Structures are given as structure tokens and as C-alpha cells.
Amino acid sequence: MLTALYLLTFLGLLGAFDTLWYHEYKQQLPRNATAKVELRLHAARDFAYAIVFAALAWGSWHGGLAWILFGILSFEIGITLWDFIEEDLSRRLPAGERVMHTIMAIVYGAFLANLLPEIFRWSSLPTSVVPADYGMLSWILSGFAVGVFFSGIRDVVASFRFPKILDAAL
């Protein structure tokens, strides 16, 4: 489990860099009307990640709850694939951002490869959330949960700033 959590932490660091450097600084997505759909996809993914970071920081999801966690992870994959398509339709990605997204996908795959056996094991146990404390790692993951939640709010709000007339074009 610790390997999965370290990979999730690394993914959080990569995601924070991607958001701050590429989305905010280089591309200024919240100020770009053509990024409306992309911002909403980012927000949906951010909220999924907020749940994953918070849930795994302090516990394990047993029984039916394991399948809910599996569903959230699957939802994130679907949103990411949709986002890849949307990015290609709405803007030209800098080469570094494309590389960053590829690295993040590889790390996500490694994270899943380490977490899925735990989820499948948890699914056979009685339904409950079993508390866990991974020390500083739990606090770091909690910080990521808060940060990504507020990033999602920012993206949702930014996506609604654009004039309604753009809705017809998007």
C-alpha cells in the first residue's frame, strides 16, 4: 500500500506542476474562452482526485466501498481520456505539456498497478472504512486533497465566466 501512496504523492506533485506551470502560467486556461469544456473536465477530475487523496490518506475502503473507490478511479480515467481529446480540439499543447501528461499517465498506471490488488482484497472484506495513519504521508495527501478541491472550484468558476453566447459555439 505504501508504494501506491508514494506514487499517488508523486502524481500529486506532477499534477500541481502541470496545473501551475502549463494551465495557469503558460496557457492561462482560466482566461481562455476556448478552454471552457477543458476547464470543466479538469474540475470533474479535480473533485475525483480530492476524494481519492483524502480517502486513501486516512483509511482503506472495504467491501462495497472498495467498488466505489474503483468507480471513482475509473471515472478519472474516462475524464482524462476525454480531456486528451478536448485539448487536441481546442488548443495546441506545448511539447513539454504533452510530455508531462504522458509521464503522469505512466505514473497513474504504476499507482493503479499497486493499488488495484489492495482494492480487490478490500472488496472481499466486510463493508467499512478502516482508519489508517501513514504519518506525514497522510498529511501530505490531505494537503493535496484540499489543494485539488480548490483547484476544481477555480476551474468551474472560470468556465462560467465566459459569455452565454459562447455556449452555442461550444
C-alpha atoms as a PDB file:
ATOM      1  CA  MET A   1       0.000   0.000   0.000  1.00  0.00           C
ATOM      2  CA  LEU A   2       2.819   2.397   0.774  1.00  0.00           C
ATOM      3  CA  THR A   3       4.163   2.124  -2.767  1.00  0.00           C
ATOM      4  CA  ALA A   4       0.749   3.121  -4.133  1.00  0.00           C
ATOM      5  CA  LEU A   5       0.604   6.089  -1.768  1.00  0.00           C
ATOM      6  CA  TYR A   6       4.107   7.251  -2.703  1.00  0.00           C
ATOM      7  CA  LEU A   7       3.155   7.035  -6.376  1.00  0.00           C
ATOM      8  CA  LEU A   8      -0.044   8.978  -5.650  1.00  0.00           C
ATOM      9  CA  THR A   9       2.058  11.621  -3.888  1.00  0.00           C
ATOM     10  CA  PHE A  10       4.392  11.838  -6.877  1.00  0.00           C
ATOM     11  CA  LEU A  11       1.353  12.113  -9.149  1.00  0.00           C
ATOM     12  CA  GLY A  12       0.062  14.939  -6.977  1.00  0.00           C
ATOM     13  CA  LEU A  13       3.347  16.804  -7.353  1.00  0.00           C
ATOM     14  CA  LEU A  14       3.320  16.322 -11.127  1.00  0.00           C
ATOM     15  CA  GLY A  15      -0.312  17.418 -11.322  1.00  0.00           C
ATOM     16  CA  ALA A  16       0.375  20.543  -9.267  1.00  0.00           C
ATOM     17  CA  PHE A  17       3.283  21.445 -11.548  1.00  0.00           C
ATOM     18  CA  ASP A  18       1.197  20.782 -14.681  1.00  0.00           C
ATOM     19  CA  THR A  19      -1.631  22.956 -13.372  1.00  0.00           C
ATOM     20  CA  LEU A  20       0.508  25.849 -12.158  1.00  0.00           C
ATOM     21  CA  TRP A  21       3.087  25.917 -14.962  1.00  0.00           C
ATOM     22  CA  TYR A  22       1.136  24.902 -18.043  1.00  0.00           C
ATOM     23  CA  HIS A  23      -2.529  25.575 -17.308  1.00  0.00           C
ATOM     24  CA  GLU A  24      -2.155  28.761 -15.274  1.00  0.00           C
ATOM     25  CA  TYR A  25       1.104  30.368 -16.412  1.00  0.00           C
ATOM     26  CA  LYS A  26       1.849  29.244 -19.977  1.00  0.00           C
ATOM     27  CA  GLN A  27      -1.645  28.653 -21.404  1.00  0.00           C
ATOM     28  CA  GLN A  28      -3.723  30.780 -18.991  1.00  0.00           C
ATOM     29  CA  LEU A  29      -6.672  28.440 -19.410  1.00  0.00           C
ATOM     30  CA  PRO A  30      -8.986  30.222 -16.942  1.00  0.00           C
ATOM     31  CA  ARG A  31      -8.793  33.313 -19.175  1.00  0.00           C
ATOM     32  CA  ASN A  32      -9.321  31.469 -22.439  1.00  0.00           C
ATOM     33  CA  ALA A  33     -12.909  31.097 -23.660  1.00  0.00           C
ATOM     34  CA  THR A  34     -11.974  28.147 -25.899  1.00  0.00           C
ATOM     35  CA  ALA A  35     -10.928  26.224 -22.759  1.00  0.00           C
ATOM     36  CA  LYS A  36     -14.432  26.207 -21.256  1.00  0.00           C
ATOM     37  CA  VAL A  37     -15.023  22.477 -21.730  1.00  0.00           C
ATOM     38  CA  GLU A  38     -11.462  21.623 -20.756  1.00  0.00           C
ATOM     39  CA  LEU A  39     -11.845  23.606 -17.519  1.00  0.00           C
ATOM     40  CA  ARG A  40     -14.999  21.673 -16.659  1.00  0.00           C
ATOM     41  CA  LEU A  41     -13.256  18.377 -17.355  1.00  0.00           C
ATOM     42  CA  HIS A  42     -10.352  19.461 -15.144  1.00  0.00           C
ATOM     43  CA  ALA A  43     -12.811  20.364 -12.393  1.00  0.00           C
ATOM     44  CA  ALA A  44     -14.520  16.955 -12.569  1.00  0.00           C
ATOM     45  CA  ARG A  45     -11.148  15.243 -12.396  1.00  0.00           C
ATOM     46  CA  ASP A  46     -10.032  17.513  -9.550  1.00  0.00           C
ATOM     47  CA  PHE A  47     -13.053  16.566  -7.462  1.00  0.00           C
ATOM     48  CA  ALA A  48     -12.407  12.865  -8.111  1.00  0.00           C
ATOM     49  CA  TYR A  49      -8.789  13.295  -7.057  1.00  0.00           C
ATOM     50  CA  ALA A  50      -9.842  15.196  -3.928  1.00  0.00           C
ATOM     51  CA  ILE A  51     -11.849  12.148  -2.859  1.00  0.00           C
ATOM     52  CA  VAL A  52      -9.040   9.717  -3.707  1.00  0.00           C
ATOM     53  CA  PHE A  53      -6.348  11.729  -1.909  1.00  0.00           C
ATOM     54  CA  ALA A  54      -8.493  12.200   1.213  1.00  0.00           C
ATOM     55  CA  ALA A  55      -9.837   8.650   1.306  1.00  0.00           C
ATOM     56  CA  LEU A  56      -6.507   6.904   0.891  1.00  0.00           C
ATOM     57  CA  ALA A  57      -4.706   9.282   3.255  1.00  0.00           C
ATOM     58  CA  TRP A  58      -6.611   8.099   6.292  1.00  0.00           C
ATOM     59  CA  GLY A  59      -8.165   4.723   5.576  1.00  0.00           C
ATOM     60  CA  SER A  60      -8.934   1.730   3.435  1.00  0.00           C
ATOM     61  CA  TRP A  61     -12.329   1.188   1.836  1.00  0.00           C
ATOM     62  CA  HIS A  62     -13.586  -2.326   2.456  1.00  0.00           C
ATOM     63  CA  GLY A  63     -16.452  -4.312   0.997  1.00  0.00           C
ATOM     64  CA  GLY A  64     -18.784  -2.407  -1.316  1.00  0.00           C
ATOM     65  CA  LEU A  65     -16.885   0.794  -0.611  1.00  0.00           C
ATOM     66  CA  ALA A  66     -13.894  -0.682  -2.457  1.00  0.00           C
ATOM     67  CA  TRP A  67     -16.030  -0.771  -5.590  1.00  0.00           C
ATOM     68  CA  ILE A  68     -16.998   2.876  -5.084  1.00  0.00           C
ATOM     69  CA  LEU A  69     -13.298   3.746  -4.959  1.00  0.00           C
ATOM     70  CA  PHE A  70     -12.755   1.626  -8.085  1.00  0.00           C
ATOM     71  CA  GLY A  71     -15.580   3.548  -9.775  1.00  0.00           C
ATOM     72  CA  ILE A  72     -14.022   6.911  -8.885  1.00  0.00           C
ATOM     73  CA  LEU A  73     -10.681   5.777 -10.308  1.00  0.00           C
ATOM     74  CA  SER A  74     -12.411   4.550 -13.482  1.00  0.00           C
ATOM     75  CA  PHE A  75     -14.282   7.861 -13.760  1.00  0.00           C
ATOM     76  CA  GLU A  76     -10.935   9.673 -13.552  1.00  0.00           C
ATOM     77  CA  ILE A  77      -9.560   7.593 -16.416  1.00  0.00           C
ATOM     78  CA  GLY A  78     -12.590   8.394 -18.568  1.00  0.00           C
ATOM     79  CA  ILE A  79     -12.322  12.116 -17.835  1.00  0.00           C
ATOM     80  CA  THR A  80      -8.597  12.086 -18.637  1.00  0.00           C
ATOM     81  CA  LEU A  81      -9.175  10.380 -21.991  1.00  0.00           C
ATOM     82  CA  TRP A  82     -11.921  12.879 -22.829  1.00  0.00           C
ATOM     83  CA  ASP A  83      -9.597  15.707 -21.755  1.00  0.00           C
ATOM     84  CA  PHE A  84      -6.862  14.464 -24.120  1.00  0.00           C
ATOM     85  CA  ILE A  85      -9.338  14.680 -26.994  1.00  0.00           C
ATOM     86  CA  GLU A  86     -10.670  18.080 -25.902  1.00  0.00           C
ATOM     87  CA  GLU A  87      -7.164  19.526 -25.630  1.00  0.00           C
ATOM     88  CA  ASP A  88      -6.397  18.480 -29.185  1.00  0.00           C
ATOM     89  CA  LEU A  89      -9.634  20.068 -30.410  1.00  0.00           C
ATOM     90  CA  SER A  90      -9.360  23.355 -28.527  1.00  0.00           C
ATOM     91  CA  ARG A  91      -5.679  24.323 -28.384  1.00  0.00           C
ATOM     92  CA  ARG A  92      -2.130  23.469 -29.326  1.00  0.00           C
ATOM     93  CA  LEU A  93      -0.311  21.875 -26.409  1.00  0.00           C
ATOM     94  CA  PRO A  94       3.302  22.849 -25.783  1.00  0.00           C
ATOM     95  CA  ALA A  95       5.609  19.860 -26.229  1.00  0.00           C
ATOM     96  CA  GLY A  96       6.508  19.920 -22.533  1.00  0.00           C
ATOM     97  CA  GLU A  97       2.863  19.704 -21.509  1.00  0.00           C
ATOM     98  CA  ARG A  98       2.286  16.708 -23.787  1.00  0.00           C
ATOM     99  CA  VAL A  99       5.343  15.023 -22.232  1.00  0.00           C
ATOM    100  CA  MET A 100       4.088  15.904 -18.730  1.00  0.00           C
ATOM    101  CA  HIS A 101       0.703  14.322 -19.462  1.00  0.00           C
ATOM    102  CA  THR A 102       2.423  11.179 -20.730  1.00  0.00           C
ATOM    103  CA  ILE A 103       4.590  10.927 -17.614  1.00  0.00           C
ATOM    104  CA  MET A 104       1.527  11.458 -15.433  1.00  0.00           C
ATOM    105  CA  ALA A 105      -0.317   8.675 -17.286  1.00  0.00           C
ATOM    106  CA  ILE A 106       2.609   6.299 -16.716  1.00  0.00           C
ATOM    107  CA  VAL A 107       2.753   7.157 -13.001  1.00  0.00           C
ATOM    108  CA  TYR A 108      -1.032   6.735 -12.761  1.00  0.00           C
ATOM    109  CA  GLY A 109      -0.683   3.285 -14.319  1.00  0.00           C
ATOM    110  CA  ALA A 110       2.002   2.358 -11.779  1.00  0.00           C
ATOM    111  CA  PHE A 111      -0.222   3.715  -8.994  1.00  0.00           C
ATOM    112  CA  LEU A 112      -3.126   1.557 -10.202  1.00  0.00           C
ATOM    113  CA  ALA A 113      -0.884  -1.497 -10.581  1.00  0.00           C
ATOM    114  CA  ASN A 114      -0.048  -1.168  -6.883  1.00  0.00           C
ATOM    115  CA  LEU A 115      -3.493  -0.110  -5.627  1.00  0.00           C
ATOM    116  CA  LEU A 116      -5.813  -2.452  -7.557  1.00  0.00           C
ATOM    117  CA  PRO A 117      -4.658  -5.624  -5.763  1.00  0.00           C
ATOM    118  CA  GLU A 118      -5.486  -3.849  -2.476  1.00  0.00           C
ATOM    119  CA  ILE A 119      -8.893  -2.767  -3.771  1.00  0.00           C
ATOM    120  CA  PHE A 120      -9.688  -6.319  -4.852  1.00  0.00           C
ATOM    121  CA  ARG A 121      -8.561  -7.637  -1.455  1.00  0.00           C
ATOM    122  CA  TRP A 122     -10.598  -4.957   0.337  1.00  0.00           C
ATOM    123  CA  SER A 123     -13.698  -5.827  -1.716  1.00  0.00           C
ATOM    124  CA  SER A 124     -13.881  -9.278  -0.094  1.00  0.00           C
ATOM    125  CA  LEU A 125     -13.932  -7.830   3.441  1.00  0.00           C
ATOM    126  CA  PRO A 126     -16.984  -6.581   5.375  1.00  0.00           C
ATOM    127  CA  THR A 127     -18.069  -3.110   4.267  1.00  0.00           C
ATOM    128  CA  SER A 128     -16.413  -0.410   6.344  1.00  0.00           C
ATOM    129  CA  VAL A 129     -13.818   2.312   6.277  1.00  0.00           C
ATOM    130  CA  VAL A 130     -10.861   1.114   8.288  1.00  0.00           C
ATOM    131  CA  PRO A 131      -8.805   4.001   9.688  1.00  0.00           C
ATOM    132  CA  ALA A 132      -5.146   4.189   8.721  1.00  0.00           C
ATOM    133  CA  ASP A 133      -2.420   6.633   9.620  1.00  0.00           C
ATOM    134  CA  TYR A 134       0.633   6.868   7.402  1.00  0.00           C
ATOM    135  CA  GLY A 135       2.177   9.698   9.411  1.00  0.00           C
ATOM    136  CA  MET A 136       3.417  12.643   7.377  1.00  0.00           C
ATOM    137  CA  LEU A 137       2.295  10.934   4.162  1.00  0.00           C
ATOM    138  CA  SER A 138      -1.325  11.102   5.347  1.00  0.00           C
ATOM    139  CA  TRP A 139      -0.965  14.833   5.945  1.00  0.00           C
ATOM    140  CA  ILE A 140       0.689  15.429   2.563  1.00  0.00           C
ATOM    141  CA  LEU A 141      -2.114  13.548   0.799  1.00  0.00           C
ATOM    142  CA  SER A 142      -4.661  15.561   2.794  1.00  0.00           C
ATOM    143  CA  GLY A 143      -2.967  18.760   1.630  1.00  0.00           C
ATOM    144  CA  PHE A 144      -3.234  17.569  -1.960  1.00  0.00           C
ATOM    145  CA  ALA A 145      -6.934  16.791  -1.389  1.00  0.00           C
ATOM    146  CA  VAL A 146      -7.597  20.346  -0.215  1.00  0.00           C
ATOM    147  CA  GLY A 147      -5.490  21.885  -2.987  1.00  0.00           C
ATOM    148  CA  VAL A 148      -7.053  19.905  -5.805  1.00  0.00           C
ATOM    149  CA  PHE A 149     -10.558  20.563  -4.426  1.00  0.00           C
ATOM    150  CA  PHE A 150      -9.986  24.325  -4.562  1.00  0.00           C
ATOM    151  CA  SER A 151      -8.378  23.988  -7.993  1.00  0.00           C
ATOM    152  CA  GLY A 152     -11.588  22.284  -9.140  1.00  0.00           C
ATOM    153  CA  ILE A 153     -13.698  25.122  -7.760  1.00  0.00           C
ATOM    154  CA  ARG A 154     -11.464  27.644  -9.547  1.00  0.00           C
ATOM    155  CA  ASP A 155     -11.857  25.788 -12.843  1.00  0.00           C
ATOM    156  CA  VAL A 156     -15.643  25.536 -12.522  1.00  0.00           C
ATOM    157  CA  VAL A 157     -15.974  29.214 -11.686  1.00  0.00           C
ATOM    158  CA  ALA A 158     -13.641  30.204 -14.547  1.00  0.00           C
ATOM    159  CA  SER A 159     -15.615  28.067 -17.000  1.00  0.00           C
ATOM    160  CA  PHE A 160     -18.803  30.017 -16.215  1.00  0.00           C
ATOM    161  CA  ARG A 161     -17.182  33.437 -16.655  1.00  0.00           C
ATOM    162  CA  PHE A 162     -17.447  33.354 -20.406  1.00  0.00           C
ATOM    163  CA  PRO A 163     -20.454  34.954 -22.123  1.00  0.00           C
ATOM    164  CA  LYS A 164     -23.513  32.800 -22.730  1.00  0.00           C
ATOM    165  CA  ILE A 165     -23.236  33.414 -26.469  1.00  0.00           C
ATOM    166  CA  LEU A 166     -20.162  31.162 -26.456  1.00  0.00           C
ATOM    167  CA  ASP A 167     -22.293  28.242 -25.260  1.00  0.00           C
ATOM    168  CA  ALA A 168     -23.766  27.817 -28.741  1.00  0.00           C
ATOM    169  CA  ALA A 169     -20.293  27.642 -30.266  1.00  0.00           C
ATOM    170  CA  LEU A 170     -19.001  25.164 -27.697  1.00  0.00           C
END
